Amino acid sequence: TVNHFCKMRMSRAKTDKKDASMLAQFGK
């Protein structure tokens, strides 16, 4: 579900720091 969320936002970066930020955005 999170991966789909990232793709919809055109987020291609794959780092632990970026993943954590995307999880926060996903939650919001």
PDB file of all heavy atoms in Angstrom:
ATOM      1  N   THR A   1       0.834  -1.200   0.000  1.00  0.00           N
ATOM      2  CA  THR A   1       0.000   0.000   0.000  1.00  0.00           C
ATOM      3  C   THR A   1       0.869   1.251   0.000  1.00  0.00           C
ATOM      4  O   THR A   1       0.595   2.218  -0.723  1.00  0.00           O
ATOM      5  CB  THR A   1      -0.930   0.012   1.222  1.00  0.00           C
ATOM      6  OG1 THR A   1      -1.714  -1.183   1.236  1.00  0.00           O
ATOM      7  CG2 THR A   1      -1.857   1.207   1.195  1.00  0.00           C
ATOM      8  N   VAL A   2       1.910   1.235   0.789  1.00  0.00           N
ATOM      9  CA  VAL A   2       2.822   2.379   0.849  1.00  0.00           C
ATOM     10  C   VAL A   2       3.563   2.544  -0.472  1.00  0.00           C
ATOM     11  O   VAL A   2       3.762   3.663  -0.955  1.00  0.00           O
ATOM     12  CB  VAL A   2       3.821   2.220   2.012  1.00  0.00           C
ATOM     13  CG1 VAL A   2       4.808   3.380   2.039  1.00  0.00           C
ATOM     14  CG2 VAL A   2       3.074   2.126   3.342  1.00  0.00           C
ATOM     15  N   ASN A   3       3.963   1.421  -1.073  1.00  0.00           N
ATOM     16  CA  ASN A   3       4.654   1.479  -2.362  1.00  0.00           C
ATOM     17  C   ASN A   3       3.778   2.113  -3.431  1.00  0.00           C
ATOM     18  O   ASN A   3       4.241   2.930  -4.236  1.00  0.00           O
ATOM     19  CB  ASN A   3       5.064   0.065  -2.772  1.00  0.00           C
ATOM     20  CG  ASN A   3       5.888   0.051  -4.038  1.00  0.00           C
ATOM     21  OD1 ASN A   3       6.876   0.763  -4.177  1.00  0.00           O
ATOM     22  ND2 ASN A   3       5.482  -0.773  -4.991  1.00  0.00           N
ATOM     23  N   HIS A   4       2.507   1.751  -3.437  1.00  0.00           N
ATOM     24  CA  HIS A   4       1.563   2.351  -4.383  1.00  0.00           C
ATOM     25  C   HIS A   4       1.421   3.844  -4.119  1.00  0.00           C
ATOM     26  O   HIS A   4       1.376   4.655  -5.059  1.00  0.00           O
ATOM     27  CB  HIS A   4       0.208   1.662  -4.267  1.00  0.00           C
ATOM     28  CG  HIS A   4      -0.848   2.243  -5.162  1.00  0.00           C
ATOM     29  ND1 HIS A   4      -0.843   2.072  -6.532  1.00  0.00           N
ATOM     30  CD2 HIS A   4      -1.942   3.016  -4.888  1.00  0.00           C
ATOM     31  CE1 HIS A   4      -1.882   2.706  -7.056  1.00  0.00           C
ATOM     32  NE2 HIS A   4      -2.560   3.281  -6.075  1.00  0.00           N
ATOM     33  N   PHE A   5       1.371   4.218  -2.864  1.00  0.00           N
ATOM     34  CA  PHE A   5       1.268   5.630  -2.479  1.00  0.00           C
ATOM     35  C   PHE A   5       2.468   6.418  -3.012  1.00  0.00           C
ATOM     36  O   PHE A   5       2.319   7.527  -3.539  1.00  0.00           O
ATOM     37  CB  PHE A   5       1.196   5.722  -0.956  1.00  0.00           C
ATOM     38  CG  PHE A   5       1.178   7.123  -0.411  1.00  0.00           C
ATOM     39  CD1 PHE A   5      -0.010   7.827  -0.325  1.00  0.00           C
ATOM     40  CD2 PHE A   5       2.346   7.715   0.037  1.00  0.00           C
ATOM     41  CE1 PHE A   5      -0.033   9.126   0.197  1.00  0.00           C
ATOM     42  CE2 PHE A   5       2.341   9.006   0.553  1.00  0.00           C
ATOM     43  CZ  PHE A   5       1.143   9.710   0.634  1.00  0.00           C
ATOM     44  N   CYS A   6       3.659   5.844  -2.881  1.00  0.00           N
ATOM     45  CA  CYS A   6       4.879   6.507  -3.361  1.00  0.00           C
ATOM     46  C   CYS A   6       4.866   6.670  -4.879  1.00  0.00           C
ATOM     47  O   CYS A   6       5.247   7.711  -5.410  1.00  0.00           O
ATOM     48  CB  CYS A   6       6.115   5.725  -2.926  1.00  0.00           C
ATOM     49  SG  CYS A   6       6.384   5.684  -1.142  1.00  0.00           S
ATOM     50  N   LYS A   7       4.427   5.625  -5.584  1.00  0.00           N
ATOM     51  CA  LYS A   7       4.371   5.693  -7.045  1.00  0.00           C
ATOM     52  C   LYS A   7       3.403   6.768  -7.516  1.00  0.00           C
ATOM     53  O   LYS A   7       3.660   7.471  -8.502  1.00  0.00           O
ATOM     54  CB  LYS A   7       3.971   4.336  -7.612  1.00  0.00           C
ATOM     55  CG  LYS A   7       5.051   3.270  -7.494  1.00  0.00           C
ATOM     56  CD  LYS A   7       4.591   1.945  -8.089  1.00  0.00           C
ATOM     57  CE  LYS A   7       5.698   0.905  -8.030  1.00  0.00           C
ATOM     58  NZ  LYS A   7       5.253  -0.405  -8.579  1.00  0.00           N
ATOM     59  N   MET A   8       2.288   6.900  -6.827  1.00  0.00           N
ATOM     60  CA  MET A   8       1.297   7.914  -7.196  1.00  0.00           C
ATOM     61  C   MET A   8       1.846   9.323  -7.022  1.00  0.00           C
ATOM     62  O   MET A   8       1.398  10.265  -7.681  1.00  0.00           O
ATOM     63  CB  MET A   8       0.038   7.744  -6.341  1.00  0.00           C
ATOM     64  CG  MET A   8      -0.741   6.466  -6.629  1.00  0.00           C
ATOM     65  SD  MET A   8      -1.453   6.434  -8.298  1.00  0.00           S
ATOM     66  CE  MET A   8      -2.686   7.726  -8.151  1.00  0.00           C
ATOM     67  N   ARG A   9       2.859   9.464  -6.164  1.00  0.00           N
ATOM     68  CA  ARG A   9       3.468  10.773  -5.933  1.00  0.00           C
ATOM     69  C   ARG A   9       4.799  10.915  -6.643  1.00  0.00           C
ATOM     70  O   ARG A   9       5.585  11.809  -6.326  1.00  0.00           O
ATOM     71  CB  ARG A   9       3.610  11.006  -4.428  1.00  0.00           C
ATOM     72  CG  ARG A   9       2.296  11.442  -3.815  1.00  0.00           C
ATOM     73  CD  ARG A   9       2.168  11.072  -2.353  1.00  0.00           C
ATOM     74  NE  ARG A   9       0.851  11.476  -1.846  1.00  0.00           N
ATOM     75  CZ  ARG A   9      -0.276  10.822  -2.130  1.00  0.00           C
ATOM     76  NH1 ARG A   9      -0.239   9.762  -2.908  1.00  0.00           N
ATOM     77  NH2 ARG A   9      -1.439  11.247  -1.645  1.00  0.00           N
ATOM     78  N   MET A  10       5.047  10.012  -7.572  1.00  0.00           N
ATOM     79  CA  MET A  10       6.247  10.084  -8.420  1.00  0.00           C
ATOM     80  C   MET A  10       7.533  10.107  -7.595  1.00  0.00           C
ATOM     81  O   MET A  10       8.503  10.778  -7.938  1.00  0.00           O
ATOM     82  CB  MET A  10       6.185  11.318  -9.322  1.00  0.00           C
ATOM     83  CG  MET A  10       4.921  11.422 -10.154  1.00  0.00           C
ATOM     84  SD  MET A  10       4.772  10.074 -11.357  1.00  0.00           S
ATOM     85  CE  MET A  10       6.060  10.540 -12.514  1.00  0.00           C
ATOM     86  N   SER A  11       7.519   9.381  -6.485  1.00  0.00           N
ATOM     87  CA  SER A  11       8.698   9.344  -5.630  1.00  0.00           C
ATOM     88  C   SER A  11       9.547   8.145  -6.009  1.00  0.00           C
ATOM     89  O   SER A  11       9.162   7.003  -5.784  1.00  0.00           O
ATOM     90  CB  SER A  11       8.280   9.260  -4.153  1.00  0.00           C
ATOM     91  OG  SER A  11       9.408   9.133  -3.328  1.00  0.00           O
ATOM     92  N   ARG A  12      10.700   8.418  -6.575  1.00  0.00           N
ATOM     93  CA  ARG A  12      11.565   7.331  -7.049  1.00  0.00           C
ATOM     94  C   ARG A  12      12.771   7.106  -6.148  1.00  0.00           C
ATOM     95  O   ARG A  12      13.445   6.099  -6.260  1.00  0.00           O
ATOM     96  CB  ARG A  12      12.049   7.636  -8.476  1.00  0.00           C
ATOM     97  CG  ARG A  12      10.928   7.639  -9.509  1.00  0.00           C
ATOM     98  CD  ARG A  12      11.496   7.785 -10.918  1.00  0.00           C
ATOM     99  NE  ARG A  12      10.466   7.701 -11.935  1.00  0.00           N
ATOM    100  CZ  ARG A  12       9.742   8.709 -12.362  1.00  0.00           C
ATOM    101  NH1 ARG A  12       9.946   9.912 -11.838  1.00  0.00           N
ATOM    102  NH2 ARG A  12       8.816   8.553 -13.296  1.00  0.00           N
ATOM    103  N   ALA A  13      13.062   8.067  -5.273  1.00  0.00           N
ATOM    104  CA  ALA A  13      14.226   7.931  -4.384  1.00  0.00           C
ATOM    105  C   ALA A  13      14.006   6.759  -3.439  1.00  0.00           C
ATOM    106  O   ALA A  13      12.903   6.531  -2.950  1.00  0.00           O
ATOM    107  CB  ALA A  13      14.440   9.215  -3.592  1.00  0.00           C
ATOM    108  N   LYS A  14      15.068   6.003  -3.190  1.00  0.00           N
ATOM    109  CA  LYS A  14      14.966   4.833  -2.322  1.00  0.00           C
ATOM    110  C   LYS A  14      16.087   4.874  -1.296  1.00  0.00           C
ATOM    111  O   LYS A  14      17.149   4.271  -1.460  1.00  0.00           O
ATOM    112  CB  LYS A  14      15.033   3.552  -3.156  1.00  0.00           C
ATOM    113  CG  LYS A  14      14.821   2.276  -2.334  1.00  0.00           C
ATOM    114  CD  LYS A  14      13.469   2.219  -1.697  1.00  0.00           C
ATOM    115  CE  LYS A  14      13.269   0.929  -0.931  1.00  0.00           C
ATOM    116  NZ  LYS A  14      11.980   0.888  -0.215  1.00  0.00           N
ATOM    117  N   THR A  15      15.855   5.632  -0.231  1.00  0.00           N
ATOM    118  CA  THR A  15      16.779   5.677   0.890  1.00  0.00           C
ATOM    119  C   THR A  15      15.966   5.499   2.157  1.00  0.00           C
ATOM    120  O   THR A  15      14.753   5.731   2.187  1.00  0.00           O
ATOM    121  CB  THR A  15      17.541   7.018   0.951  1.00  0.00           C
ATOM    122  OG1 THR A  15      16.608   8.081   1.217  1.00  0.00           O
ATOM    123  CG2 THR A  15      18.269   7.306  -0.359  1.00  0.00           C
ATOM    124  N   ASP A  16      16.623   5.081   3.226  1.00  0.00           N
ATOM    125  CA  ASP A  16      15.920   4.885   4.496  1.00  0.00           C
ATOM    126  C   ASP A  16      15.303   6.197   4.981  1.00  0.00           C
ATOM    127  O   ASP A  16      14.182   6.216   5.491  1.00  0.00           O
ATOM    128  CB  ASP A  16      16.887   4.344   5.551  1.00  0.00           C
ATOM    129  CG  ASP A  16      17.381   2.949   5.205  1.00  0.00           C
ATOM    130  OD1 ASP A  16      16.714   2.267   4.404  1.00  0.00           O
ATOM    131  OD2 ASP A  16      18.426   2.540   5.733  1.00  0.00           O
ATOM    132  N   LYS A  17      16.047   7.281   4.817  1.00  0.00           N
ATOM    133  CA  LYS A  17      15.557   8.600   5.237  1.00  0.00           C
ATOM    134  C   LYS A  17      14.328   8.999   4.443  1.00  0.00           C
ATOM    135  O   LYS A  17      13.326   9.476   4.996  1.00  0.00           O
ATOM    136  CB  LYS A  17      16.668   9.635   5.063  1.00  0.00           C
ATOM    137  CG  LYS A  17      16.292  11.035   5.505  1.00  0.00           C
ATOM    138  CD  LYS A  17      17.487  11.967   5.359  1.00  0.00           C
ATOM    139  CE  LYS A  17      17.126  13.391   5.789  1.00  0.00           C
ATOM    140  NZ  LYS A  17      18.289  14.307   5.671  1.00  0.00           N
ATOM    141  N   LYS A  18      14.364   8.791   3.134  1.00  0.00           N
ATOM    142  CA  LYS A  18      13.233   9.136   2.268  1.00  0.00           C
ATOM    143  C   LYS A  18      12.037   8.243   2.568  1.00  0.00           C
ATOM    144  O   LYS A  18      10.877   8.709   2.612  1.00  0.00           O
ATOM    145  CB  LYS A  18      13.643   8.985   0.801  1.00  0.00           C
ATOM    146  CG  LYS A  18      12.553   9.350  -0.195  1.00  0.00           C
ATOM    147  CD  LYS A  18      12.207  10.819  -0.140  1.00  0.00           C
ATOM    148  CE  LYS A  18      11.203  11.199  -1.219  1.00  0.00           C
ATOM    149  NZ  LYS A  18      10.816  12.621  -1.161  1.00  0.00           N
ATOM    150  N   ASP A  19      12.290   6.961   2.788  1.00  0.00           N
ATOM    151  CA  ASP A  19      11.201   6.036   3.104  1.00  0.00           C
ATOM    152  C   ASP A  19      10.479   6.448   4.385  1.00  0.00           C
ATOM    153  O   ASP A  19       9.248   6.371   4.474  1.00  0.00           O
ATOM    154  CB  ASP A  19      11.738   4.613   3.256  1.00  0.00           C
ATOM    155  CG  ASP A  19      12.117   3.996   1.918  1.00  0.00           C
ATOM    156  OD1 ASP A  19      11.720   4.560   0.877  1.00  0.00           O
ATOM    157  OD2 ASP A  19      12.802   2.962   1.917  1.00  0.00           O
ATOM    158  N   ALA A  20      11.243   6.874   5.378  1.00  0.00           N
ATOM    159  CA  ALA A  20      10.639   7.302   6.639  1.00  0.00           C
ATOM    160  C   ALA A  20       9.752   8.528   6.427  1.00  0.00           C
ATOM    161  O   ALA A  20       8.642   8.614   6.962  1.00  0.00           O
ATOM    162  CB  ALA A  20      11.732   7.601   7.668  1.00  0.00           C
ATOM    163  N   SER A  21      10.233   9.483   5.616  1.00  0.00           N
ATOM    164  CA  SER A  21       9.440  10.685   5.337  1.00  0.00           C
ATOM    165  C   SER A  21       8.168  10.336   4.578  1.00  0.00           C
ATOM    166  O   SER A  21       7.097  10.899   4.847  1.00  0.00           O
ATOM    167  CB  SER A  21      10.269  11.686   4.526  1.00  0.00           C
ATOM    168  OG  SER A  21      11.392  12.121   5.258  1.00  0.00           O
ATOM    169  N   MET A  22       8.263   9.396   3.645  1.00  0.00           N
ATOM    170  CA  MET A  22       7.079   8.996   2.886  1.00  0.00           C
ATOM    171  C   MET A  22       6.057   8.296   3.781  1.00  0.00           C
ATOM    172  O   MET A  22       4.850   8.447   3.596  1.00  0.00           O
ATOM    173  CB  MET A  22       7.477   8.080   1.733  1.00  0.00           C
ATOM    174  CG  MET A  22       8.217   8.775   0.596  1.00  0.00           C
ATOM    175  SD  MET A  22       7.294  10.184  -0.111  1.00  0.00           S
ATOM    176  CE  MET A  22       5.804   9.376  -0.690  1.00  0.00           C
ATOM    177  N   LEU A  23       6.531   7.552   4.763  1.00  0.00           N
ATOM    178  CA  LEU A  23       5.615   6.909   5.704  1.00  0.00           C
ATOM    179  C   LEU A  23       4.864   7.948   6.529  1.00  0.00           C
ATOM    180  O   LEU A  23       3.670   7.793   6.810  1.00  0.00           O
ATOM    181  CB  LEU A  23       6.370   5.949   6.618  1.00  0.00           C
ATOM    182  CG  LEU A  23       6.733   4.597   5.996  1.00  0.00           C
ATOM    183  CD1 LEU A  23       7.758   3.865   6.863  1.00  0.00           C
ATOM    184  CD2 LEU A  23       5.489   3.734   5.832  1.00  0.00           C
ATOM    185  N   ALA A  24       5.560   9.027   6.902  1.00  0.00           N
ATOM    186  CA  ALA A  24       4.902  10.109   7.629  1.00  0.00           C
ATOM    187  C   ALA A  24       3.848  10.772   6.745  1.00  0.00           C
ATOM    188  O   ALA A  24       2.729  11.068   7.191  1.00  0.00           O
ATOM    189  CB  ALA A  24       5.934  11.128   8.095  1.00  0.00           C
ATOM    190  N   GLN A  25       4.189  11.002   5.478  1.00  0.00           N
ATOM    191  CA  GLN A  25       3.230  11.601   4.551  1.00  0.00           C
ATOM    192  C   GLN A  25       2.055  10.665   4.291  1.00  0.00           C
ATOM    193  O   GLN A  25       0.908  11.110   4.165  1.00  0.00           O
ATOM    194  CB  GLN A  25       3.939  11.947   3.240  1.00  0.00           C
ATOM    195  CG  GLN A  25       5.007  13.028   3.383  1.00  0.00           C
ATOM    196  CD  GLN A  25       5.771  13.263   2.097  1.00  0.00           C
ATOM    197  OE1 GLN A  25       5.197  13.264   1.003  1.00  0.00           O
ATOM    198  NE2 GLN A  25       7.077  13.434   2.204  1.00  0.00           N
ATOM    199  N   PHE A  26       2.347   9.377   4.200  1.00  0.00           N
ATOM    200  CA  PHE A  26       1.291   8.388   4.017  1.00  0.00           C
ATOM    201  C   PHE A  26       0.301   8.443   5.186  1.00  0.00           C
ATOM    202  O   PHE A  26      -0.924   8.414   4.990  1.00  0.00           O
ATOM    203  CB  PHE A  26       1.897   6.993   3.907  1.00  0.00           C
ATOM    204  CG  PHE A  26       0.890   5.882   3.845  1.00  0.00           C
ATOM    205  CD1 PHE A  26       0.316   5.507   2.638  1.00  0.00           C
ATOM    206  CD2 PHE A  26       0.503   5.205   5.002  1.00  0.00           C
ATOM    207  CE1 PHE A  26      -0.621   4.477   2.575  1.00  0.00           C
ATOM    208  CE2 PHE A  26      -0.428   4.177   4.946  1.00  0.00           C
ATOM    209  CZ  PHE A  26      -0.987   3.820   3.730  1.00  0.00           C
ATOM    210  N   GLY A  27       0.831   8.514   6.398  1.00  0.00           N
ATOM    211  CA  GLY A  27      -0.023   8.585   7.570  1.00  0.00           C
ATOM    212  C   GLY A  27      -0.912   9.817   7.555  1.00  0.00           C
ATOM    213  O   GLY A  27      -2.119   9.726   7.816  1.00  0.00           O
ATOM    214  N   LYS A  28      -0.345  10.942   7.218  1.00  0.00           N
ATOM    215  CA  LYS A  28      -1.117  12.187   7.188  1.00  0.00           C
ATOM    216  C   LYS A  28      -2.198  12.155   6.120  1.00  0.00           C
ATOM    217  O   LYS A  28      -3.316  12.646   6.324  1.00  0.00           O
ATOM    218  CB  LYS A  28      -0.166  13.359   6.932  1.00  0.00           C
ATOM    219  CG  LYS A  28      -0.852  14.722   6.947  1.00  0.00           C
ATOM    220  CD  LYS A  28       0.163  15.835   6.750  1.00  0.00           C
ATOM    221  CE  LYS A  28      -0.520  17.205   6.770  1.00  0.00           C
ATOM    222  NZ  LYS A  28       0.476  18.302   6.593  1.00  0.00           N
TER     223      LYS A  28
END
